[in-house]
Amino acid sequence: MENTTLCPQCQSENIYQDGTLWICPECSHEWSVHAQASPENDENTPEVIKDAHGNILMDGDSVTVIKDLKIKGSSSVVKVGTKVKNIRLVDGNDGHNIACKIDGFGAMNLKSEFVKKS
């Protein structure tokens, strides 16, 4: 059985059908069998933000810091293993694409490459 359909999110060929949905095991994207999949990138399509291990992050996810992070303008450090709940994905032009509140530190922005999804 030859499968010419690709995942519309990561363009993987390793997809399978489950009922009326197509599922990509690589990026966990699900889409309807009846949906039109267009491989062209739209300007309206949001950028996919992934954590340090390649897991796709969404608004409201919880993440864990995987590296000690110095806070600019302070002598404080966000330690490895700090859990951050209810993140918000933002379009940061300086690479800081996660907005969050960390207990004991307050509101701040993080780079997705320094967190893992919990």
PDB file of N, CA and C in Angstrom:
ATOM      1  N   MET A   1       0.837  -1.174   0.000  1.00  0.00           N
ATOM      2  CA  MET A   1       0.000   0.000   0.000  1.00  0.00           C
ATOM      3  C   MET A   1       0.883   1.238   0.000  1.00  0.00           C
ATOM      4  N   GLU A   2       0.807   2.018  -1.018  1.00  0.00           N
ATOM      5  CA  GLU A   2       1.629   3.216  -1.143  1.00  0.00           C
ATOM      6  C   GLU A   2       0.861   4.410  -0.596  1.00  0.00           C
ATOM      7  N   ASN A   3       1.504   5.180   0.274  1.00  0.00           N
ATOM      8  CA  ASN A   3       0.871   6.330   0.905  1.00  0.00           C
ATOM      9  C   ASN A   3       1.550   7.587   0.385  1.00  0.00           C
ATOM     10  N   THR A   4       0.830   8.414  -0.387  1.00  0.00           N
ATOM     11  CA  THR A   4       1.404   9.630  -0.934  1.00  0.00           C
ATOM     12  C   THR A   4       1.050  10.851  -0.103  1.00  0.00           C
ATOM     13  N   THR A   5       0.284  10.680   0.971  1.00  0.00           N
ATOM     14  CA  THR A   5      -0.088  11.784   1.837  1.00  0.00           C
ATOM     15  C   THR A   5       1.054  12.074   2.807  1.00  0.00           C
ATOM     16  N   LEU A   6       1.303  13.365   3.034  1.00  0.00           N
ATOM     17  CA  LEU A   6       2.326  13.802   3.973  1.00  0.00           C
ATOM     18  C   LEU A   6       1.680  14.563   5.117  1.00  0.00           C
ATOM     19  N   CYS A   7       2.334  14.589   6.262  1.00  0.00           N
ATOM     20  CA  CYS A   7       1.856  15.385   7.387  1.00  0.00           C
ATOM     21  C   CYS A   7       1.932  16.861   6.999  1.00  0.00           C
ATOM     22  N   PRO A   8       0.845  17.624   7.136  1.00  0.00           N
ATOM     23  CA  PRO A   8       0.874  19.032   6.750  1.00  0.00           C
ATOM     24  C   PRO A   8       1.727  19.887   7.674  1.00  0.00           C
ATOM     25  N   GLN A   9       2.082  19.366   8.837  1.00  0.00           N
ATOM     26  CA  GLN A   9       2.854  20.163   9.780  1.00  0.00           C
ATOM     27  C   GLN A   9       4.360  19.927   9.645  1.00  0.00           C
ATOM     28  N   CYS A  10       4.785  18.657   9.583  1.00  0.00           N
ATOM     29  CA  CYS A  10       6.228  18.375   9.536  1.00  0.00           C
ATOM     30  C   CYS A  10       6.662  17.684   8.241  1.00  0.00           C
ATOM     31  N   GLN A  11       5.737  17.428   7.331  1.00  0.00           N
ATOM     32  CA  GLN A  11       5.992  16.801   6.035  1.00  0.00           C
ATOM     33  C   GLN A  11       6.514  15.361   6.149  1.00  0.00           C
ATOM     34  N   SER A  12       6.224  14.691   7.255  1.00  0.00           N
ATOM     35  CA  SER A  12       6.650  13.313   7.449  1.00  0.00           C
ATOM     36  C   SER A  12       5.803  12.361   6.608  1.00  0.00           C
ATOM     37  N   GLU A  13       6.416  11.302   6.124  1.00  0.00           N
ATOM     38  CA  GLU A  13       5.698  10.270   5.373  1.00  0.00           C
ATOM     39  C   GLU A  13       5.129   9.205   6.308  1.00  0.00           C
ATOM     40  N   ASN A  14       5.591   9.169   7.548  1.00  0.00           N
ATOM     41  CA  ASN A  14       5.178   8.144   8.504  1.00  0.00           C
ATOM     42  C   ASN A  14       3.893   8.558   9.195  1.00  0.00           C
ATOM     43  N   ILE A  15       2.770   8.442   8.496  1.00  0.00           N
ATOM     44  CA  ILE A  15       1.478   8.790   9.071  1.00  0.00           C
ATOM     45  C   ILE A  15       0.564   7.577   8.993  1.00  0.00           C
ATOM     46  N   TYR A  16      -0.477   7.597   9.830  1.00  0.00           N
ATOM     47  CA  TYR A  16      -1.440   6.502   9.779  1.00  0.00           C
ATOM     48  C   TYR A  16      -2.842   7.047  10.000  1.00  0.00           C
ATOM     49  N   GLN A  17      -3.830   6.261   9.584  1.00  0.00           N
ATOM     50  CA  GLN A  17      -5.223   6.676   9.683  1.00  0.00           C
ATOM     51  C   GLN A  17      -5.866   5.974  10.862  1.00  0.00           C
ATOM     52  N   ASP A  18      -6.610   6.744  11.678  1.00  0.00           N
ATOM     53  CA  ASP A  18      -7.345   6.207  12.810  1.00  0.00           C
ATOM     54  C   ASP A  18      -8.768   6.728  12.715  1.00  0.00           C
ATOM     55  N   GLY A  19      -9.649   5.921  12.187  1.00  0.00           N
ATOM     56  CA  GLY A  19     -11.026   6.364  11.975  1.00  0.00           C
ATOM     57  C   GLY A  19     -11.063   7.420  10.887  1.00  0.00           C
ATOM     58  N   THR A  20     -11.539   8.620  11.239  1.00  0.00           N
ATOM     59  CA  THR A  20     -11.621   9.706  10.263  1.00  0.00           C
ATOM     60  C   THR A  20     -10.452  10.679  10.390  1.00  0.00           C
ATOM     61  N   LEU A  21      -9.465  10.347  11.195  1.00  0.00           N
ATOM     62  CA  LEU A  21      -8.314  11.229  11.388  1.00  0.00           C
ATOM     63  C   LEU A  21      -7.037  10.614  10.847  1.00  0.00           C
ATOM     64  N   TRP A  22      -6.153  11.466  10.344  1.00  0.00           N
ATOM     65  CA  TRP A  22      -4.779  11.085  10.027  1.00  0.00           C
ATOM     66  C   TRP A  22      -3.945  11.527  11.212  1.00  0.00           C
ATOM     67  N   ILE A  23      -2.962  10.725  11.605  1.00  0.00           N
ATOM     68  CA  ILE A  23      -2.123  11.032  12.760  1.00  0.00           C
ATOM     69  C   ILE A  23      -0.664  10.872  12.361  1.00  0.00           C
ATOM     70  N   CYS A  24       0.146  11.854  12.757  1.00  0.00           N
ATOM     71  CA  CYS A  24       1.588  11.798  12.525  1.00  0.00           C
ATOM     72  C   CYS A  24       2.268  11.431  13.844  1.00  0.00           C
ATOM     73  N   PRO A  25       2.940  10.280  13.926  1.00  0.00           N
ATOM     74  CA  PRO A  25       3.588   9.888  15.176  1.00  0.00           C
ATOM     75  C   PRO A  25       4.836  10.711  15.497  1.00  0.00           C
ATOM     76  N   GLU A  26       5.374  11.421  14.519  1.00  0.00           N
ATOM     77  CA  GLU A  26       6.593  12.204  14.755  1.00  0.00           C
ATOM     78  C   GLU A  26       6.308  13.528  15.447  1.00  0.00           C
ATOM     79  N   CYS A  27       5.232  14.225  15.030  1.00  0.00           N
ATOM     80  CA  CYS A  27       4.938  15.533  15.632  1.00  0.00           C
ATOM     81  C   CYS A  27       3.601  15.547  16.371  1.00  0.00           C
ATOM     82  N   SER A  28       2.897  14.415  16.402  1.00  0.00           N
ATOM     83  CA  SER A  28       1.606  14.254  17.083  1.00  0.00           C
ATOM     84  C   SER A  28       0.499  15.116  16.496  1.00  0.00           C
ATOM     85  N   HIS A  29       0.653  15.538  15.262  1.00  0.00           N
ATOM     86  CA  HIS A  29      -0.381  16.341  14.606  1.00  0.00           C
ATOM     87  C   HIS A  29      -1.493  15.433  14.117  1.00  0.00           C
ATOM     88  N   GLU A  30      -2.745  15.870  14.318  1.00  0.00           N
ATOM     89  CA  GLU A  30      -3.914  15.126  13.837  1.00  0.00           C
ATOM     90  C   GLU A  30      -4.715  16.031  12.922  1.00  0.00           C
ATOM     91  N   TRP A  31      -5.222  15.462  11.828  1.00  0.00           N
ATOM     92  CA  TRP A  31      -6.057  16.235  10.923  1.00  0.00           C
ATOM     93  C   TRP A  31      -7.092  15.325  10.299  1.00  0.00           C
ATOM     94  N   SER A  32      -8.152  15.947   9.808  1.00  0.00           N
ATOM     95  CA  SER A  32      -9.276  15.216   9.253  1.00  0.00           C
ATOM     96  C   SER A  32      -8.926  14.646   7.883  1.00  0.00           C
ATOM     97  N   VAL A  33      -9.508  13.504   7.576  1.00  0.00           N
ATOM     98  CA  VAL A  33      -9.312  12.878   6.265  1.00  0.00           C
ATOM     99  C   VAL A  33      -9.855  13.796   5.169  1.00  0.00           C
ATOM    100  N   HIS A  34     -10.906  14.551   5.492  1.00  0.00           N
ATOM    101  CA  HIS A  34     -11.560  15.413   4.518  1.00  0.00           C
ATOM    102  C   HIS A  34     -10.902  16.775   4.386  1.00  0.00           C
ATOM    103  N   ALA A  35      -9.952  17.094   5.249  1.00  0.00           N
ATOM    104  CA  ALA A  35      -9.292  18.408   5.200  1.00  0.00           C
ATOM    105  C   ALA A  35      -8.328  18.454   4.020  1.00  0.00           C
ATOM    106  N   GLN A  36      -8.233  19.600   3.400  1.00  0.00           N
ATOM    107  CA  GLN A  36      -7.282  19.801   2.303  1.00  0.00           C
ATOM    108  C   GLN A  36      -5.905  20.070   2.900  1.00  0.00           C
ATOM    109  N   ALA A  37      -4.959  19.221   2.640  1.00  0.00           N
ATOM    110  CA  ALA A  37      -3.596  19.418   3.137  1.00  0.00           C
ATOM    111  C   ALA A  37      -2.781  20.098   2.066  1.00  0.00           C
ATOM    112  N   SER A  38      -2.317  21.297   2.354  1.00  0.00           N
ATOM    113  CA  SER A  38      -1.483  22.013   1.391  1.00  0.00           C
ATOM    114  C   SER A  38      -0.085  22.158   1.964  1.00  0.00           C
ATOM    115  N   PRO A  39       0.921  21.613   1.301  1.00  0.00           N
ATOM    116  CA  PRO A  39       2.282  21.677   1.817  1.00  0.00           C
ATOM    117  C   PRO A  39       2.903  23.063   1.751  1.00  0.00           C
ATOM    118  N   GLU A  40       2.265  24.009   1.033  1.00  0.00           N
ATOM    119  CA  GLU A  40       2.844  25.338   0.936  1.00  0.00           C
ATOM    120  C   GLU A  40       2.655  26.063   2.250  1.00  0.00           C
ATOM    121  N   ASN A  41       3.643  26.842   2.652  1.00  0.00           N
ATOM    122  CA  ASN A  41       3.563  27.612   3.883  1.00  0.00           C
ATOM    123  C   ASN A  41       2.762  28.878   3.641  1.00  0.00           C
ATOM    124  N   ASP A  42       1.730  29.065   4.418  1.00  0.00           N
ATOM    125  CA  ASP A  42       0.932  30.267   4.371  1.00  0.00           C
ATOM    126  C   ASP A  42       1.573  31.316   5.260  1.00  0.00           C
ATOM    127  N   GLU A  43       1.355  32.569   4.961  1.00  0.00           N
ATOM    128  CA  GLU A  43       1.832  33.621   5.841  1.00  0.00           C
ATOM    129  C   GLU A  43       1.013  33.635   7.120  1.00  0.00           C
ATOM    130  N   ASN A  44      -0.211  33.115   7.072  1.00  0.00           N
ATOM    131  CA  ASN A  44      -1.085  33.097   8.234  1.00  0.00           C
ATOM    132  C   ASN A  44      -0.823  31.905   9.153  1.00  0.00           C
ATOM    133  N   THR A  45      -0.043  30.927   8.715  1.00  0.00           N
ATOM    134  CA  THR A  45       0.246  29.759   9.512  1.00  0.00           C
ATOM    135  C   THR A  45       1.234  30.122  10.610  1.00  0.00           C
ATOM    136  N   PRO A  46       0.877  29.889  11.878  1.00  0.00           N
ATOM    137  CA  PRO A  46       1.791  30.240  12.963  1.00  0.00           C
ATOM    138  C   PRO A  46       3.001  29.313  12.983  1.00  0.00           C
ATOM    139  N   GLU A  47       4.103  29.824  13.468  1.00  0.00           N
ATOM    140  CA  GLU A  47       5.328  29.039  13.565  1.00  0.00           C
ATOM    141  C   GLU A  47       5.176  28.020  14.687  1.00  0.00           C
ATOM    142  N   VAL A  48       5.645  26.810  14.462  1.00  0.00           N
ATOM    143  CA  VAL A  48       5.589  25.765  15.470  1.00  0.00           C
ATOM    144  C   VAL A  48       6.761  25.966  16.419  1.00  0.00           C
ATOM    145  N   ILE A  49       6.465  26.025  17.712  1.00  0.00           N
ATOM    146  CA  ILE A  49       7.507  26.214  18.726  1.00  0.00           C
ATOM    147  C   ILE A  49       7.711  24.889  19.431  1.00  0.00           C
ATOM    148  N   LYS A  50       8.967  24.435  19.469  1.00  0.00           N
ATOM    149  CA  LYS A  50       9.303  23.150  20.068  1.00  0.00           C
ATOM    150  C   LYS A  50      10.239  23.361  21.252  1.00  0.00           C
ATOM    151  N   ASP A  51      10.181  22.414  22.207  1.00  0.00           N
ATOM    152  CA  ASP A  51      11.074  22.480  23.353  1.00  0.00           C
ATOM    153  C   ASP A  51      12.438  21.895  22.994  1.00  0.00           C
ATOM    154  N   ALA A  52      13.308  21.746  23.969  1.00  0.00           N
ATOM    155  CA  ALA A  52      14.670  21.270  23.733  1.00  0.00           C
ATOM    156  C   ALA A  52      14.711  19.844  23.192  1.00  0.00           C
ATOM    157  N   HIS A  53      13.663  19.062  23.432  1.00  0.00           N
ATOM    158  CA  HIS A  53      13.615  17.667  22.982  1.00  0.00           C
ATOM    159  C   HIS A  53      12.770  17.477  21.734  1.00  0.00           C
ATOM    160  N   GLY A  54      12.280  18.572  21.141  1.00  0.00           N
ATOM    161  CA  GLY A  54      11.519  18.484  19.906  1.00  0.00           C
ATOM    162  C   GLY A  54      10.020  18.322  20.086  1.00  0.00           C
ATOM    163  N   ASN A  55       9.522  18.393  21.320  1.00  0.00           N
ATOM    164  CA  ASN A  55       8.080  18.303  21.559  1.00  0.00           C
ATOM    165  C   ASN A  55       7.432  19.645  21.231  1.00  0.00           C
ATOM    166  N   ILE A  56       6.275  19.606  20.610  1.00  0.00           N
ATOM    167  CA  ILE A  56       5.573  20.827  20.228  1.00  0.00           C
ATOM    168  C   ILE A  56       4.913  21.431  21.459  1.00  0.00           C
ATOM    169  N   LEU A  57       5.135  22.724  21.660  1.00  0.00           N
ATOM    170  CA  LEU A  57       4.567  23.441  22.801  1.00  0.00           C
ATOM    171  C   LEU A  57       3.294  24.171  22.377  1.00  0.00           C
ATOM    172  N   MET A  58       2.340  24.251  23.296  1.00  0.00           N
ATOM    173  CA  MET A  58       1.073  24.941  23.075  1.00  0.00           C
ATOM    174  C   MET A  58       0.824  25.878  24.257  1.00  0.00           C
ATOM    175  N   ASP A  59      -0.043  26.877  24.046  1.00  0.00           N
ATOM    176  CA  ASP A  59      -0.445  27.752  25.149  1.00  0.00           C
ATOM    177  C   ASP A  59      -1.060  26.917  26.260  1.00  0.00           C
ATOM    178  N   GLY A  60      -0.714  27.231  27.514  1.00  0.00           N
ATOM    179  CA  GLY A  60      -1.268  26.531  28.662  1.00  0.00           C
ATOM    180  C   GLY A  60      -0.474  25.316  29.103  1.00  0.00           C
ATOM    181  N   ASP A  61       0.555  24.922  28.356  1.00  0.00           N
ATOM    182  CA  ASP A  61       1.380  23.773  28.744  1.00  0.00           C
ATOM    183  C   ASP A  61       2.199  24.093  29.989  1.00  0.00           C
ATOM    184  N   SER A  62       2.685  23.046  30.632  1.00  0.00           N
ATOM    185  CA  SER A  62       3.631  23.175  31.730  1.00  0.00           C
ATOM    186  C   SER A  62       4.990  22.714  31.228  1.00  0.00           C
ATOM    187  N   VAL A  63       6.036  23.433  31.629  1.00  0.00           N
ATOM    188  CA  VAL A  63       7.391  23.087  31.209  1.00  0.00           C
ATOM    189  C   VAL A  63       8.320  23.081  32.412  1.00  0.00           C
ATOM    190  N   THR A  64       9.481  22.459  32.228  1.00  0.00           N
ATOM    191  CA  THR A  64      10.515  22.409  33.252  1.00  0.00           C
ATOM    192  C   THR A  64      11.794  22.987  32.668  1.00  0.00           C
ATOM    193  N   VAL A  65      12.470  23.833  33.443  1.00  0.00           N
ATOM    194  CA  VAL A  65      13.727  24.444  33.008  1.00  0.00           C
ATOM    195  C   VAL A  65      14.819  23.383  33.042  1.00  0.00           C
ATOM    196  N   ILE A  66      15.641  23.291  31.980  1.00  0.00           N
ATOM    197  CA  ILE A  66      16.664  22.250  31.900  1.00  0.00           C
ATOM    198  C   ILE A  66      18.079  22.796  32.072  1.00  0.00           C
ATOM    199  N   LYS A  67      18.216  24.099  32.363  1.00  0.00           N
ATOM    200  CA  LYS A  67      19.530  24.707  32.521  1.00  0.00           C
ATOM    201  C   LYS A  67      19.381  25.879  33.485  1.00  0.00           C
ATOM    202  N   ASP A  68      20.395  26.098  34.344  1.00  0.00           N
ATOM    203  CA  ASP A  68      20.375  27.283  35.200  1.00  0.00           C
ATOM    204  C   ASP A  68      20.354  28.518  34.317  1.00  0.00           C
ATOM    205  N   LEU A  69      19.397  29.416  34.576  1.00  0.00           N
ATOM    206  CA  LEU A  69      19.244  30.609  33.754  1.00  0.00           C
ATOM    207  C   LEU A  69      19.476  31.853  34.607  1.00  0.00           C
ATOM    208  N   LYS A  70      20.486  32.639  34.247  1.00  0.00           N
ATOM    209  CA  LYS A  70      20.746  33.897  34.944  1.00  0.00           C
ATOM    210  C   LYS A  70      19.707  34.917  34.505  1.00  0.00           C
ATOM    211  N   ILE A  71      19.244  35.717  35.441  1.00  0.00           N
ATOM    212  CA  ILE A  71      18.255  36.742  35.130  1.00  0.00           C
ATOM    213  C   ILE A  71      18.992  38.052  34.924  1.00  0.00           C
ATOM    214  N   LYS A  72      18.766  38.664  33.764  1.00  0.00           N
ATOM    215  CA  LYS A  72      19.434  39.917  33.430  1.00  0.00           C
ATOM    216  C   LYS A  72      19.108  40.999  34.448  1.00  0.00           C
ATOM    217  N   GLY A  73      20.119  41.730  34.890  1.00  0.00           N
ATOM    218  CA  GLY A  73      19.914  42.833  35.815  1.00  0.00           C
ATOM    219  C   GLY A  73      19.709  42.394  37.249  1.00  0.00           C
ATOM    220  N   SER A  74      19.976  41.135  37.544  1.00  0.00           N
ATOM    221  CA  SER A  74      19.783  40.612  38.890  1.00  0.00           C
ATOM    222  C   SER A  74      20.843  39.556  39.171  1.00  0.00           C
ATOM    223  N   SER A  75      21.042  39.279  40.434  1.00  0.00           N
ATOM    224  CA  SER A  75      21.991  38.214  40.789  1.00  0.00           C
ATOM    225  C   SER A  75      21.263  36.888  40.971  1.00  0.00           C
ATOM    226  N   SER A  76      19.956  36.862  40.724  1.00  0.00           N
ATOM    227  CA  SER A  76      19.144  35.653  40.880  1.00  0.00           C
ATOM    228  C   SER A  76      19.346  34.691  39.708  1.00  0.00           C
ATOM    229  N   VAL A  77      19.075  33.419  39.984  1.00  0.00           N
ATOM    230  CA  VAL A  77      19.184  32.376  38.965  1.00  0.00           C
ATOM    231  C   VAL A  77      17.945  31.486  39.040  1.00  0.00           C
ATOM    232  N   VAL A  78      17.360  31.180  37.888  1.00  0.00           N
ATOM    233  CA  VAL A  78      16.288  30.193  37.813  1.00  0.00           C
ATOM    234  C   VAL A  78      16.981  28.840  37.700  1.00  0.00           C
ATOM    235  N   LYS A  79      16.780  27.988  38.697  1.00  0.00           N
ATOM    236  CA  LYS A  79      17.504  26.717  38.797  1.00  0.00           C
ATOM    237  C   LYS A  79      16.937  25.644  37.873  1.00  0.00           C
ATOM    238  N   VAL A  80      17.781  24.675  37.556  1.00  0.00           N
ATOM    239  CA  VAL A  80      17.364  23.498  36.784  1.00  0.00           C
ATOM    240  C   VAL A  80      16.248  22.796  37.544  1.00  0.00           C
ATOM    241  N   GLY A  81      15.231  22.350  36.836  1.00  0.00           N
ATOM    242  CA  GLY A  81      14.133  21.621  37.453  1.00  0.00           C
ATOM    243  C   GLY A  81      12.977  22.496  37.890  1.00  0.00           C
ATOM    244  N   THR A  82      13.106  23.820  37.732  1.00  0.00           N
ATOM    245  CA  THR A  82      12.011  24.717  38.089  1.00  0.00           C
ATOM    246  C   THR A  82      10.838  24.469  37.147  1.00  0.00           C
ATOM    247  N   LYS A  83       9.659  24.219  37.727  1.00  0.00           N
ATOM    248  CA  LYS A  83       8.471  23.966  36.909  1.00  0.00           C
ATOM    249  C   LYS A  83       7.745  25.274  36.661  1.00  0.00           C
ATOM    250  N   VAL A  84       7.331  25.460  35.419  1.00  0.00           N
ATOM    251  CA  VAL A  84       6.599  26.649  35.009  1.00  0.00           C
ATOM    252  C   VAL A  84       5.265  26.187  34.437  1.00  0.00           C
ATOM    253  N   LYS A  85       4.170  26.680  35.014  1.00  0.00           N
ATOM    254  CA  LYS A  85       2.834  26.272  34.581  1.00  0.00           C
ATOM    255  C   LYS A  85       2.206  27.353  33.718  1.00  0.00           C
ATOM    256  N   ASN A  86       1.296  26.925  32.874  1.00  0.00           N
ATOM    257  CA  ASN A  86       0.459  27.828  32.084  1.00  0.00           C
ATOM    258  C   ASN A  86       1.276  28.830  31.261  1.00  0.00           C
ATOM    259  N   ILE A  87       2.115  28.316  30.375  1.00  0.00           N
ATOM    260  CA  ILE A  87       2.930  29.193  29.531  1.00  0.00           C
ATOM    261  C   ILE A  87       2.078  29.810  28.432  1.00  0.00           C
ATOM    262  N   ARG A  88       2.567  30.893  27.873  1.00  0.00           N
ATOM    263  CA  ARG A  88       1.930  31.546  26.739  1.00  0.00           C
ATOM    264  C   ARG A  88       2.985  31.700  25.661  1.00  0.00           C
ATOM    265  N   LEU A  89       2.676  31.274  24.445  1.00  0.00           N
ATOM    266  CA  LEU A  89       3.617  31.394  23.337  1.00  0.00           C
ATOM    267  C   LEU A  89       3.477  32.776  22.723  1.00  0.00           C
ATOM    268  N   VAL A  90       4.614  33.448  22.546  1.00  0.00           N
ATOM    269  CA  VAL A  90       4.630  34.793  21.979  1.00  0.00           C
ATOM    270  C   VAL A  90       5.604  34.826  20.819  1.00  0.00           C
ATOM    271  N   ASP A  91       5.485  35.846  19.993  1.00  0.00           N
ATOM    272  CA  ASP A  91       6.376  36.017  18.858  1.00  0.00           C
ATOM    273  C   ASP A  91       7.498  36.961  19.277  1.00  0.00           C
ATOM    274  N   GLY A  92       8.498  36.401  19.951  1.00  0.00           N
ATOM    275  CA  GLY A  92       9.606  37.217  20.439  1.00  0.00           C
ATOM    276  C   GLY A  92      10.656  37.399  19.365  1.00  0.00           C
ATOM    277  N   ASN A  93      10.993  38.646  19.074  1.00  0.00           N
ATOM    278  CA  ASN A  93      11.981  38.902  18.028  1.00  0.00           C
ATOM    279  C   ASN A  93      13.402  38.631  18.512  1.00  0.00           C
ATOM    280  N   ASP A  94      13.587  38.464  19.819  1.00  0.00           N
ATOM    281  CA  ASP A  94      14.926  38.195  20.347  1.00  0.00           C
ATOM    282  C   ASP A  94      15.114  36.729  20.726  1.00  0.00           C
ATOM    283  N   GLY A  95      14.203  35.868  20.294  1.00  0.00           N
ATOM    284  CA  GLY A  95      14.325  34.440  20.571  1.00  0.00           C
ATOM    285  C   GLY A  95      13.573  33.987  21.803  1.00  0.00           C
ATOM    286  N   HIS A  96      13.119  34.919  22.632  1.00  0.00           N
ATOM    287  CA  HIS A  96      12.347  34.581  23.825  1.00  0.00           C
ATOM    288  C   HIS A  96      10.894  34.411  23.405  1.00  0.00           C
ATOM    289  N   ASN A  97      10.475  33.149  23.197  1.00  0.00           N
ATOM    290  CA  ASN A  97       9.160  32.896  22.639  1.00  0.00           C
ATOM    291  C   ASN A  97       8.163  32.294  23.629  1.00  0.00           C
ATOM    292  N   ILE A  98       8.494  32.298  24.933  1.00  0.00           N
ATOM    293  CA  ILE A  98       7.579  31.821  25.966  1.00  0.00           C
ATOM    294  C   ILE A  98       7.425  32.917  27.013  1.00  0.00           C
ATOM    295  N   ALA A  99       6.198  33.344  27.253  1.00  0.00           N
ATOM    296  CA  ALA A  99       5.902  34.290  28.328  1.00  0.00           C
ATOM    297  C   ALA A  99       5.298  33.487  29.472  1.00  0.00           C
ATOM    298  N   CYS A 100       5.755  33.749  30.706  1.00  0.00           N
ATOM    299  CA  CYS A 100       5.284  32.971  31.840  1.00  0.00           C
ATOM    300  C   CYS A 100       5.480  33.738  33.136  1.00  0.00           C
ATOM    301  N   LYS A 101       4.945  33.167  34.214  1.00  0.00           N
ATOM    302  CA  LYS A 101       5.193  33.670  35.561  1.00  0.00           C
ATOM    303  C   LYS A 101       5.855  32.547  36.333  1.00  0.00           C
ATOM    304  N   ILE A 102       6.981  32.846  36.958  1.00  0.00           N
ATOM    305  CA  ILE A 102       7.710  31.856  37.748  1.00  0.00           C
ATOM    306  C   ILE A 102       7.603  32.264  39.203  1.00  0.00           C
ATOM    307  N   ASP A 103       7.171  31.319  40.051  1.00  0.00           N
ATOM    308  CA  ASP A 103       7.038  31.597  41.480  1.00  0.00           C
ATOM    309  C   ASP A 103       8.373  32.082  42.048  1.00  0.00           C
ATOM    310  N   GLY A 104       8.324  33.193  42.756  1.00  0.00           N
ATOM    311  CA  GLY A 104       9.527  33.763  43.366  1.00  0.00           C
ATOM    312  C   GLY A 104      10.268  34.729  42.459  1.00  0.00           C
ATOM    313  N   PHE A 105       9.938  34.757  41.161  1.00  0.00           N
ATOM    314  CA  PHE A 105      10.621  35.637  40.219  1.00  0.00           C
ATOM    315  C   PHE A 105       9.659  36.604  39.527  1.00  0.00           C
ATOM    316  N   GLY A 106       8.422  36.172  39.286  1.00  0.00           N
ATOM    317  CA  GLY A 106       7.442  37.011  38.607  1.00  0.00           C
ATOM    318  C   GLY A 106       7.376  36.716  37.122  1.00  0.00           C
ATOM    319  N   ALA A 107       6.852  37.693  36.371  1.00  0.00           N
ATOM    320  CA  ALA A 107       6.666  37.521  34.927  1.00  0.00           C
ATOM    321  C   ALA A 107       7.997  37.642  34.198  1.00  0.00           C
ATOM    322  N   MET A 108       8.213  36.758  33.239  1.00  0.00           N
ATOM    323  CA  MET A 108       9.435  36.810  32.429  1.00  0.00           C
ATOM    324  C   MET A 108       9.237  36.045  31.134  1.00  0.00           C
ATOM    325  N   ASN A 109      10.178  36.201  30.233  1.00  0.00           N
ATOM    326  CA  ASN A 109      10.176  35.489  28.956  1.00  0.00           C
ATOM    327  C   ASN A 109      11.321  34.491  28.945  1.00  0.00           C
ATOM    328  N   LEU A 110      11.065  33.321  28.355  1.00  0.00           N
ATOM    329  CA  LEU A 110      12.071  32.261  28.248  1.00  0.00           C
ATOM    330  C   LEU A 110      12.241  31.861  26.804  1.00  0.00           C
ATOM    331  N   LYS A 111      13.380  31.259  26.510  1.00  0.00           N
ATOM    332  CA  LYS A 111      13.602  30.662  25.190  1.00  0.00           C
ATOM    333  C   LYS A 111      13.191  29.198  25.270  1.00  0.00           C
ATOM    334  N   SER A 112      12.520  28.720  24.231  1.00  0.00           N
ATOM    335  CA  SER A 112      12.023  27.347  24.235  1.00  0.00           C
ATOM    336  C   SER A 112      13.144  26.316  24.244  1.00  0.00           C
ATOM    337  N   GLU A 113      14.343  26.697  23.831  1.00  0.00           N
ATOM    338  CA  GLU A 113      15.457  25.741  23.793  1.00  0.00           C
ATOM    339  C   GLU A 113      15.973  25.385  25.188  1.00  0.00           C
ATOM    340  N   PHE A 114      15.532  26.101  26.228  1.00  0.00           N
ATOM    341  CA  PHE A 114      15.984  25.842  27.590  1.00  0.00           C
ATOM    342  C   PHE A 114      14.911  25.220  28.472  1.00  0.00           C
ATOM    343  N   VAL A 115      13.837  24.712  27.857  1.00  0.00           N
ATOM    344  CA  VAL A 115      12.768  24.064  28.635  1.00  0.00           C
ATOM    345  C   VAL A 115      12.400  22.738  27.991  1.00  0.00           C
ATOM    346  N   LYS A 116      11.783  21.876  28.798  1.00  0.00           N
ATOM    347  CA  LYS A 116      11.209  20.638  28.248  1.00  0.00           C
ATOM    348  C   LYS A 116       9.771  20.547  28.734  1.00  0.00           C
ATOM    349  N   LYS A 117       8.938  19.986  27.884  1.00  0.00           N
ATOM    350  CA  LYS A 117       7.514  19.855  28.205  1.00  0.00           C
ATOM    351  C   LYS A 117       7.337  18.850  29.336  1.00  0.00           C
ATOM    352  N   SER A 118       6.480  19.192  30.305  1.00  0.00           N
ATOM    353  CA  SER A 118       6.239  18.240  31.420  1.00  0.00           C
ATOM    354  C   SER A 118       4.846  17.667  31.345  1.00  0.00           C
TER     355      SER A 118
END
